[in-house]
Amino acid sequence: SVNERRKEIGILKSLGADEREIRSLFLVESGVIGILG
């Protein structure tokens, strides 16, 4: 997902998203997988 969404990550960072928010975005995604599973 990280490799496929590098452009999306670049756009989010150019719009002002910091590293903490990017990290949280992917952690929430893995957390949702954990909750559903």
PDB file of all heavy atoms in Angstrom:
ATOM      1  N   SER A   1       0.827  -1.200   0.000  1.00  0.00           N
ATOM      2  CA  SER A   1       0.000   0.000   0.000  1.00  0.00           C
ATOM      3  C   SER A   1       0.862   1.250   0.000  1.00  0.00           C
ATOM      4  O   SER A   1       0.559   2.238  -0.694  1.00  0.00           O
ATOM      5  CB  SER A   1      -0.925  -0.018   1.219  1.00  0.00           C
ATOM      6  OG  SER A   1      -1.745   1.132   1.254  1.00  0.00           O
ATOM      7  N   VAL A   2       1.959   1.231   0.757  1.00  0.00           N
ATOM      8  CA  VAL A   2       2.854   2.393   0.793  1.00  0.00           C
ATOM      9  C   VAL A   2       3.470   2.632  -0.580  1.00  0.00           C
ATOM     10  O   VAL A   2       3.530   3.770  -1.081  1.00  0.00           O
ATOM     11  CB  VAL A   2       3.947   2.188   1.862  1.00  0.00           C
ATOM     12  CG1 VAL A   2       5.027   3.252   1.745  1.00  0.00           C
ATOM     13  CG2 VAL A   2       3.344   2.204   3.256  1.00  0.00           C
ATOM     14  N   ASN A   3       3.941   1.553  -1.231  1.00  0.00           N
ATOM     15  CA  ASN A   3       4.568   1.700  -2.551  1.00  0.00           C
ATOM     16  C   ASN A   3       3.579   2.201  -3.592  1.00  0.00           C
ATOM     17  O   ASN A   3       3.928   2.998  -4.475  1.00  0.00           O
ATOM     18  CB  ASN A   3       5.165   0.364  -2.986  1.00  0.00           C
ATOM     19  CG  ASN A   3       6.374  -0.024  -2.161  1.00  0.00           C
ATOM     20  OD1 ASN A   3       7.078   0.847  -1.646  1.00  0.00           O
ATOM     21  ND2 ASN A   3       6.609  -1.323  -2.018  1.00  0.00           N
ATOM     22  N   GLU A   4       2.320   1.727  -3.508  1.00  0.00           N
ATOM     23  CA  GLU A   4       1.323   2.120  -4.495  1.00  0.00           C
ATOM     24  C   GLU A   4       0.786   3.526  -4.265  1.00  0.00           C
ATOM     25  O   GLU A   4       0.232   4.144  -5.187  1.00  0.00           O
ATOM     26  CB  GLU A   4       0.160   1.117  -4.469  1.00  0.00           C
ATOM     27  CG  GLU A   4       0.550  -0.278  -4.954  1.00  0.00           C
ATOM     28  CD  GLU A   4      -0.567  -1.274  -4.744  1.00  0.00           C
ATOM     29  OE1 GLU A   4      -1.596  -0.880  -4.138  1.00  0.00           O
ATOM     30  OE2 GLU A   4      -0.423  -2.451  -5.144  1.00  0.00           O
ATOM     31  N   ARG A   5       0.944   4.039  -3.048  1.00  0.00           N
ATOM     32  CA  ARG A   5       0.336   5.329  -2.707  1.00  0.00           C
ATOM     33  C   ARG A   5       1.386   6.408  -2.427  1.00  0.00           C
ATOM     34  O   ARG A   5       1.147   7.355  -1.691  1.00  0.00           O
ATOM     35  CB  ARG A   5      -0.562   5.150  -1.477  1.00  0.00           C
ATOM     36  CG  ARG A   5      -1.724   4.220  -1.728  1.00  0.00           C
ATOM     37  CD  ARG A   5      -2.349   3.706  -0.458  1.00  0.00           C
ATOM     38  NE  ARG A   5      -2.901   4.771   0.359  1.00  0.00           N
ATOM     39  CZ  ARG A   5      -3.367   4.612   1.592  1.00  0.00           C
ATOM     40  NH1 ARG A   5      -3.316   3.409   2.155  1.00  0.00           N
ATOM     41  NH2 ARG A   5      -3.844   5.632   2.269  1.00  0.00           N
ATOM     42  N   ARG A   6       2.572   6.262  -3.041  1.00  0.00           N
ATOM     43  CA  ARG A   6       3.611   7.269  -2.827  1.00  0.00           C
ATOM     44  C   ARG A   6       3.173   8.644  -3.316  1.00  0.00           C
ATOM     45  O   ARG A   6       3.437   9.666  -2.684  1.00  0.00           O
ATOM     46  CB  ARG A   6       4.902   6.840  -3.540  1.00  0.00           C
ATOM     47  CG  ARG A   6       5.572   5.631  -2.884  1.00  0.00           C
ATOM     48  CD  ARG A   6       6.805   5.208  -3.675  1.00  0.00           C
ATOM     49  NE  ARG A   6       7.820   6.261  -3.687  1.00  0.00           N
ATOM     50  CZ  ARG A   6       8.725   6.433  -2.739  1.00  0.00           C
ATOM     51  NH1 ARG A   6       8.742   5.617  -1.692  1.00  0.00           N
ATOM     52  NH2 ARG A   6       9.616   7.392  -2.840  1.00  0.00           N
ATOM     53  N   LYS A   7       2.464   8.677  -4.457  1.00  0.00           N
ATOM     54  CA  LYS A   7       2.000   9.965  -4.980  1.00  0.00           C
ATOM     55  C   LYS A   7       0.990  10.592  -4.010  1.00  0.00           C
ATOM     56  O   LYS A   7       1.027  11.799  -3.736  1.00  0.00           O
ATOM     57  CB  LYS A   7       1.360   9.767  -6.352  1.00  0.00           C
ATOM     58  CG  LYS A   7       0.836  11.070  -6.960  1.00  0.00           C
ATOM     59  CD  LYS A   7       0.223  10.826  -8.330  1.00  0.00           C
ATOM     60  CE  LYS A   7      -0.307  12.144  -8.911  1.00  0.00           C
ATOM     61  NZ  LYS A   7      -0.942  11.939 -10.241  1.00  0.00           N
ATOM     62  N   GLU A   8       0.081   9.743  -3.485  1.00  0.00           N
ATOM     63  CA  GLU A   8      -0.908  10.243  -2.527  1.00  0.00           C
ATOM     64  C   GLU A   8      -0.228  10.790  -1.277  1.00  0.00           C
ATOM     65  O   GLU A   8      -0.610  11.843  -0.751  1.00  0.00           O
ATOM     66  CB  GLU A   8      -1.863   9.103  -2.142  1.00  0.00           C
ATOM     67  CG  GLU A   8      -2.915   9.496  -1.114  1.00  0.00           C
ATOM     68  CD  GLU A   8      -3.771   8.311  -0.702  1.00  0.00           C
ATOM     69  OE1 GLU A   8      -3.868   7.340  -1.464  1.00  0.00           O
ATOM     70  OE2 GLU A   8      -4.341   8.378   0.413  1.00  0.00           O
ATOM     71  N   ILE A   9       0.824  10.101  -0.837  1.00  0.00           N
ATOM     72  CA  ILE A   9       1.561  10.560   0.341  1.00  0.00           C
ATOM     73  C   ILE A   9       2.241  11.890   0.044  1.00  0.00           C
ATOM     74  O   ILE A   9       2.239  12.819   0.870  1.00  0.00           O
ATOM     75  CB  ILE A   9       2.597   9.502   0.765  1.00  0.00           C
ATOM     76  CG1 ILE A   9       1.892   8.223   1.218  1.00  0.00           C
ATOM     77  CG2 ILE A   9       3.496  10.027   1.890  1.00  0.00           C
ATOM     78  CD1 ILE A   9       2.812   7.052   1.447  1.00  0.00           C
ATOM     79  N   GLY A  10       2.840  11.985  -1.165  1.00  0.00           N
ATOM     80  CA  GLY A  10       3.497  13.240  -1.548  1.00  0.00           C
ATOM     81  C   GLY A  10       2.524  14.396  -1.596  1.00  0.00           C
ATOM     82  O   GLY A  10       2.842  15.515  -1.159  1.00  0.00           O
ATOM     83  N   ILE A  11       1.334  14.157  -2.133  1.00  0.00           N
ATOM     84  CA  ILE A  11       0.325  15.236  -2.206  1.00  0.00           C
ATOM     85  C   ILE A  11      -0.096  15.655  -0.805  1.00  0.00           C
ATOM     86  O   ILE A  11      -0.226  16.862  -0.516  1.00  0.00           O
ATOM     87  CB  ILE A  11      -0.884  14.759  -3.024  1.00  0.00           C
ATOM     88  CG1 ILE A  11      -0.487  14.530  -4.493  1.00  0.00           C
ATOM     89  CG2 ILE A  11      -2.026  15.764  -2.923  1.00  0.00           C
ATOM     90  CD1 ILE A  11      -1.575  13.921  -5.331  1.00  0.00           C
ATOM     91  N   LEU A  12      -0.340  14.680   0.082  1.00  0.00           N
ATOM     92  CA  LEU A  12      -0.759  15.007   1.443  1.00  0.00           C
ATOM     93  C   LEU A  12       0.309  15.831   2.164  1.00  0.00           C
ATOM     94  O   LEU A  12       0.003  16.777   2.888  1.00  0.00           O
ATOM     95  CB  LEU A  12      -1.049  13.715   2.231  1.00  0.00           C
ATOM     96  CG  LEU A  12      -2.312  12.945   1.817  1.00  0.00           C
ATOM     97  CD1 LEU A  12      -2.383  11.614   2.555  1.00  0.00           C
ATOM     98  CD2 LEU A  12      -3.560  13.776   2.126  1.00  0.00           C
ATOM     99  N   LYS A  13       1.583  15.460   1.952  1.00  0.00           N
ATOM    100  CA  LYS A  13       2.650  16.210   2.612  1.00  0.00           C
ATOM    101  C   LYS A  13       2.780  17.610   2.030  1.00  0.00           C
ATOM    102  O   LYS A  13       3.068  18.573   2.756  1.00  0.00           O
ATOM    103  CB  LYS A  13       3.975  15.460   2.474  1.00  0.00           C
ATOM    104  CG  LYS A  13       4.108  14.294   3.445  1.00  0.00           C
ATOM    105  CD  LYS A  13       5.553  13.865   3.572  1.00  0.00           C
ATOM    106  CE  LYS A  13       5.732  12.925   4.736  1.00  0.00           C
ATOM    107  NZ  LYS A  13       7.152  12.584   4.958  1.00  0.00           N
ATOM    108  N   SER A  14       2.571  17.733   0.711  1.00  0.00           N
ATOM    109  CA  SER A  14       2.659  19.061   0.098  1.00  0.00           C
ATOM    110  C   SER A  14       1.513  19.955   0.546  1.00  0.00           C
ATOM    111  O   SER A  14       1.622  21.189   0.513  1.00  0.00           O
ATOM    112  CB  SER A  14       2.654  18.928  -1.432  1.00  0.00           C
ATOM    113  OG  SER A  14       1.396  18.408  -1.881  1.00  0.00           O
ATOM    114  N   LEU A  15       0.417  19.339   0.985  1.00  0.00           N
ATOM    115  CA  LEU A  15      -0.727  20.107   1.477  1.00  0.00           C
ATOM    116  C   LEU A  15      -0.606  20.419   2.972  1.00  0.00           C
ATOM    117  O   LEU A  15      -1.506  21.025   3.544  1.00  0.00           O
ATOM    118  CB  LEU A  15      -2.026  19.339   1.222  1.00  0.00           C
ATOM    119  CG  LEU A  15      -2.406  19.173  -0.263  1.00  0.00           C
ATOM    120  CD1 LEU A  15      -3.652  18.313  -0.396  1.00  0.00           C
ATOM    121  CD2 LEU A  15      -2.657  20.548  -0.901  1.00  0.00           C
ATOM    122  N   GLY A  16       0.488  19.968   3.581  1.00  0.00           N
ATOM    123  CA  GLY A  16       0.708  20.340   4.984  1.00  0.00           C
ATOM    124  C   GLY A  16       0.648  19.203   5.969  1.00  0.00           C
ATOM    125  O   GLY A  16       0.817  19.434   7.183  1.00  0.00           O
ATOM    126  N   ALA A  17       0.399  17.974   5.517  1.00  0.00           N
ATOM    127  CA  ALA A  17       0.349  16.836   6.447  1.00  0.00           C
ATOM    128  C   ALA A  17       1.767  16.527   6.928  1.00  0.00           C
ATOM    129  O   ALA A  17       2.706  16.472   6.128  1.00  0.00           O
ATOM    130  CB  ALA A  17      -0.249  15.620   5.763  1.00  0.00           C
ATOM    131  N   ASP A  18       1.945  16.357   8.238  1.00  0.00           N
ATOM    132  CA  ASP A  18       3.272  16.046   8.761  1.00  0.00           C
ATOM    133  C   ASP A  18       3.451  14.531   8.876  1.00  0.00           C
ATOM    134  O   ASP A  18       2.553  13.750   8.559  1.00  0.00           O
ATOM    135  CB  ASP A  18       3.494  16.721  10.122  1.00  0.00           C
ATOM    136  CG  ASP A  18       2.406  16.342  11.132  1.00  0.00           C
ATOM    137  OD1 ASP A  18       1.716  15.314  10.913  1.00  0.00           O
ATOM    138  OD2 ASP A  18       2.235  17.057  12.136  1.00  0.00           O
ATOM    139  N   GLU A  19       4.632  14.131   9.344  1.00  0.00           N
ATOM    140  CA  GLU A  19       4.947  12.697   9.428  1.00  0.00           C
ATOM    141  C   GLU A  19       4.023  11.971  10.407  1.00  0.00           C
ATOM    142  O   GLU A  19       3.651  10.820  10.181  1.00  0.00           O
ATOM    143  CB  GLU A  19       6.416  12.524   9.859  1.00  0.00           C
ATOM    144  CG  GLU A  19       7.421  12.924   8.796  1.00  0.00           C
ATOM    145  CD  GLU A  19       8.832  12.570   9.203  1.00  0.00           C
ATOM    146  OE1 GLU A  19       9.000  12.033  10.318  1.00  0.00           O
ATOM    147  OE2 GLU A  19       9.760  12.819   8.411  1.00  0.00           O
ATOM    148  N   ARG A  20       3.659  12.628  11.502  1.00  0.00           N
ATOM    149  CA  ARG A  20       2.789  11.992  12.493  1.00  0.00           C
ATOM    150  C   ARG A  20       1.442  11.640  11.885  1.00  0.00           C
ATOM    151  O   ARG A  20       0.898  10.561  12.132  1.00  0.00           O
ATOM    152  CB  ARG A  20       2.614  12.916  13.685  1.00  0.00           C
ATOM    153  CG  ARG A  20       1.761  12.313  14.820  1.00  0.00           C
ATOM    154  CD  ARG A  20       1.603  13.309  15.945  1.00  0.00           C
ATOM    155  NE  ARG A  20       0.936  14.520  15.499  1.00  0.00           N
ATOM    156  CZ  ARG A  20      -0.403  14.643  15.365  1.00  0.00           C
ATOM    157  NH1 ARG A  20      -1.185  13.612  15.643  1.00  0.00           N
ATOM    158  NH2 ARG A  20      -0.924  15.775  14.960  1.00  0.00           N
ATOM    159  N   GLU A  21       0.897  12.541  11.059  1.00  0.00           N
ATOM    160  CA  GLU A  21      -0.415  12.289  10.453  1.00  0.00           C
ATOM    161  C   GLU A  21      -0.335  11.181   9.400  1.00  0.00           C
ATOM    162  O   GLU A  21      -1.254  10.355   9.276  1.00  0.00           O
ATOM    163  CB  GLU A  21      -0.949  13.577   9.828  1.00  0.00           C
ATOM    164  CG  GLU A  21      -1.331  14.630  10.860  1.00  0.00           C
ATOM    165  CD  GLU A  21      -1.748  15.937  10.222  1.00  0.00           C
ATOM    166  OE1 GLU A  21      -1.151  16.313   9.193  1.00  0.00           O
ATOM    167  OE2 GLU A  21      -2.673  16.584  10.750  1.00  0.00           O
ATOM    168  N   ILE A  22       0.775  11.159   8.627  1.00  0.00           N
ATOM    169  CA  ILE A  22       0.933  10.095   7.637  1.00  0.00           C
ATOM    170  C   ILE A  22       1.061   8.738   8.336  1.00  0.00           C
ATOM    171  O   ILE A  22       0.453   7.739   7.928  1.00  0.00           O
ATOM    172  CB  ILE A  22       2.174  10.367   6.751  1.00  0.00           C
ATOM    173  CG1 ILE A  22       2.001  11.689   5.976  1.00  0.00           C
ATOM    174  CG2 ILE A  22       2.401   9.204   5.779  1.00  0.00           C
ATOM    175  CD1 ILE A  22       0.812  11.703   5.032  1.00  0.00           C
ATOM    176  N   ARG A  23       1.856   8.719   9.422  1.00  0.00           N
ATOM    177  CA  ARG A  23       2.016   7.474  10.172  1.00  0.00           C
ATOM    178  C   ARG A  23       0.670   7.030  10.753  1.00  0.00           C
ATOM    179  O   ARG A  23       0.313   5.840  10.711  1.00  0.00           O
ATOM    180  CB  ARG A  23       3.033   7.676  11.296  1.00  0.00           C
ATOM    181  CG  ARG A  23       3.353   6.373  12.053  1.00  0.00           C
ATOM    182  CD  ARG A  23       4.324   6.611  13.212  1.00  0.00           C
ATOM    183  NE  ARG A  23       5.613   7.073  12.741  1.00  0.00           N
ATOM    184  CZ  ARG A  23       6.071   8.309  12.895  1.00  0.00           C
ATOM    185  NH1 ARG A  23       5.315   9.217  13.520  1.00  0.00           N
ATOM    186  NH2 ARG A  23       7.262   8.660  12.458  1.00  0.00           N
ATOM    187  N   SER A  24      -0.087   7.976  11.290  1.00  0.00           N
ATOM    188  CA  SER A  24      -1.386   7.655  11.877  1.00  0.00           C
ATOM    189  C   SER A  24      -2.345   7.107  10.832  1.00  0.00           C
ATOM    190  O   SER A  24      -3.159   6.216  11.114  1.00  0.00           O
ATOM    191  CB  SER A  24      -1.995   8.897  12.535  1.00  0.00           C
ATOM    192  OG  SER A  24      -1.163   9.376  13.579  1.00  0.00           O
ATOM    193  N   LEU A  25      -2.238   7.647   9.586  1.00  0.00           N
ATOM    194  CA  LEU A  25      -3.134   7.192   8.518  1.00  0.00           C
ATOM    195  C   LEU A  25      -2.966   5.693   8.260  1.00  0.00           C
ATOM    196  O   LEU A  25      -3.944   4.958   8.166  1.00  0.00           O
ATOM    197  CB  LEU A  25      -2.841   7.989   7.240  1.00  0.00           C
ATOM    198  CG  LEU A  25      -3.642   7.588   5.985  1.00  0.00           C
ATOM    199  CD1 LEU A  25      -5.124   7.863   6.198  1.00  0.00           C
ATOM    200  CD2 LEU A  25      -3.123   8.344   4.762  1.00  0.00           C
ATOM    201  N   PHE A  26      -1.730   5.244   8.176  1.00  0.00           N
ATOM    202  CA  PHE A  26      -1.491   3.829   7.893  1.00  0.00           C
ATOM    203  C   PHE A  26      -1.710   2.959   9.132  1.00  0.00           C
ATOM    204  O   PHE A  26      -2.110   1.794   9.022  1.00  0.00           O
ATOM    205  CB  PHE A  26      -0.070   3.650   7.348  1.00  0.00           C
ATOM    206  CG  PHE A  26       0.067   4.096   5.924  1.00  0.00           C
ATOM    207  CD1 PHE A  26       0.392   5.410   5.610  1.00  0.00           C
ATOM    208  CD2 PHE A  26      -0.156   3.205   4.889  1.00  0.00           C
ATOM    209  CE1 PHE A  26       0.505   5.826   4.292  1.00  0.00           C
ATOM    210  CE2 PHE A  26      -0.041   3.609   3.565  1.00  0.00           C
ATOM    211  CZ  PHE A  26       0.286   4.922   3.261  1.00  0.00           C
ATOM    212  N   LEU A  27      -1.441   3.515  10.327  1.00  0.00           N
ATOM    213  CA  LEU A  27      -1.724   2.755  11.543  1.00  0.00           C
ATOM    214  C   LEU A  27      -3.224   2.523  11.716  1.00  0.00           C
ATOM    215  O   LEU A  27      -3.649   1.459  12.163  1.00  0.00           O
ATOM    216  CB  LEU A  27      -1.154   3.481  12.762  1.00  0.00           C
ATOM    217  CG  LEU A  27       0.360   3.380  12.965  1.00  0.00           C
ATOM    218  CD1 LEU A  27       0.794   4.214  14.163  1.00  0.00           C
ATOM    219  CD2 LEU A  27       0.787   1.929  13.166  1.00  0.00           C
ATOM    220  N   VAL A  28      -4.033   3.543  11.365  1.00  0.00           N
ATOM    221  CA  VAL A  28      -5.485   3.379  11.447  1.00  0.00           C
ATOM    222  C   VAL A  28      -5.938   2.293  10.477  1.00  0.00           C
ATOM    223  O   VAL A  28      -6.801   1.471  10.786  1.00  0.00           O
ATOM    224  CB  VAL A  28      -6.195   4.716  11.147  1.00  0.00           C
ATOM    225  CG1 VAL A  28      -7.698   4.502  10.925  1.00  0.00           C
ATOM    226  CG2 VAL A  28      -5.984   5.698  12.286  1.00  0.00           C
ATOM    227  N   GLU A  29      -5.312   2.266   9.305  1.00  0.00           N
ATOM    228  CA  GLU A  29      -5.680   1.251   8.321  1.00  0.00           C
ATOM    229  C   GLU A  29      -5.376  -0.156   8.843  1.00  0.00           C
ATOM    230  O   GLU A  29      -6.208  -1.068   8.740  1.00  0.00           O
ATOM    231  CB  GLU A  29      -4.918   1.516   7.024  1.00  0.00           C
ATOM    232  CG  GLU A  29      -5.380   0.643   5.867  1.00  0.00           C
ATOM    233  CD  GLU A  29      -4.772   1.089   4.550  1.00  0.00           C
ATOM    234  OE1 GLU A  29      -4.595   2.307   4.363  1.00  0.00           O
ATOM    235  OE2 GLU A  29      -4.482   0.208   3.723  1.00  0.00           O
ATOM    236  N   SER A  30      -4.174  -0.348   9.413  1.00  0.00           N
ATOM    237  CA  SER A  30      -3.841  -1.671   9.961  1.00  0.00           C
ATOM    238  C   SER A  30      -4.694  -1.979  11.195  1.00  0.00           C
ATOM    239  O   SER A  30      -5.060  -3.132  11.427  1.00  0.00           O
ATOM    240  CB  SER A  30      -2.354  -1.722  10.331  1.00  0.00           C
ATOM    241  OG  SER A  30      -2.043  -0.766  11.327  1.00  0.00           O
ATOM    242  N   GLY A  31      -5.045  -0.933  11.976  1.00  0.00           N
ATOM    243  CA  GLY A  31      -5.913  -1.144  13.131  1.00  0.00           C
ATOM    244  C   GLY A  31      -7.307  -1.578  12.724  1.00  0.00           C
ATOM    245  O   GLY A  31      -7.920  -2.429  13.387  1.00  0.00           O
ATOM    246  N   VAL A  32      -7.833  -1.005  11.639  1.00  0.00           N
ATOM    247  CA  VAL A  32      -9.157  -1.406  11.149  1.00  0.00           C
ATOM    248  C   VAL A  32      -9.134  -2.866  10.707  1.00  0.00           C
ATOM    249  O   VAL A  32     -10.066  -3.634  10.983  1.00  0.00           O
ATOM    250  CB  VAL A  32      -9.599  -0.487   9.991  1.00  0.00           C
ATOM    251  CG1 VAL A  32     -10.844  -1.052   9.304  1.00  0.00           C
ATOM    252  CG2 VAL A  32      -9.875   0.915  10.496  1.00  0.00           C
ATOM    253  N   ILE A  33      -8.037  -3.265  10.036  1.00  0.00           N
ATOM    254  CA  ILE A  33      -7.910  -4.675   9.646  1.00  0.00           C
ATOM    255  C   ILE A  33      -7.915  -5.564  10.892  1.00  0.00           C
ATOM    256  O   ILE A  33      -8.568  -6.619  10.928  1.00  0.00           O
ATOM    257  CB  ILE A  33      -6.619  -4.882   8.833  1.00  0.00           C
ATOM    258  CG1 ILE A  33      -6.738  -4.184   7.476  1.00  0.00           C
ATOM    259  CG2 ILE A  33      -6.347  -6.373   8.638  1.00  0.00           C
ATOM    260  CD1 ILE A  33      -5.461  -4.232   6.655  1.00  0.00           C
ATOM    261  N   GLY A  34      -7.204  -5.118  11.933  1.00  0.00           N
ATOM    262  CA  GLY A  34      -7.160  -5.894  13.169  1.00  0.00           C
ATOM    263  C   GLY A  34      -8.512  -5.984  13.849  1.00  0.00           C
ATOM    264  O   GLY A  34      -8.901  -7.059  14.332  1.00  0.00           O
ATOM    265  N   ILE A  35      -9.249  -4.869  13.889  1.00  0.00           N
ATOM    266  CA  ILE A  35     -10.564  -4.870  14.542  1.00  0.00           C
ATOM    267  C   ILE A  35     -11.541  -5.767  13.787  1.00  0.00           C
ATOM    268  O   ILE A  35     -12.237  -6.603  14.378  1.00  0.00           O
ATOM    269  CB  ILE A  35     -11.107  -3.438  14.650  1.00  0.00           C
ATOM    270  CG1 ILE A  35     -10.262  -2.630  15.634  1.00  0.00           C
ATOM    271  CG2 ILE A  35     -12.563  -3.443  15.093  1.00  0.00           C
ATOM    272  CD1 ILE A  35     -10.636  -1.164  15.693  1.00  0.00           C
ATOM    273  N   LEU A  36     -11.595  -5.587  12.450  1.00  0.00           N
ATOM    274  CA  LEU A  36     -12.530  -6.400  11.660  1.00  0.00           C
ATOM    275  C   LEU A  36     -12.172  -7.881  11.736  1.00  0.00           C
ATOM    276  O   LEU A  36     -13.050  -8.738  11.922  1.00  0.00           O
ATOM    277  CB  LEU A  36     -12.500  -5.923  10.201  1.00  0.00           C
ATOM    278  CG  LEU A  36     -13.047  -4.514   9.930  1.00  0.00           C
ATOM    279  CD1 LEU A  36     -12.888  -4.154   8.447  1.00  0.00           C
ATOM    280  CD2 LEU A  36     -14.502  -4.413  10.343  1.00  0.00           C
ATOM    281  N   GLY A  37     -10.875  -8.183  11.595  1.00  0.00           N
ATOM    282  CA  GLY A  37     -10.456  -9.576  11.646  1.00  0.00           C
ATOM    283  C   GLY A  37     -10.684 -10.200  13.020  1.00  0.00           C
ATOM    284  O   GLY A  37     -11.119 -11.348  13.126  1.00  0.00           O
TER     285      GLY A  37
END
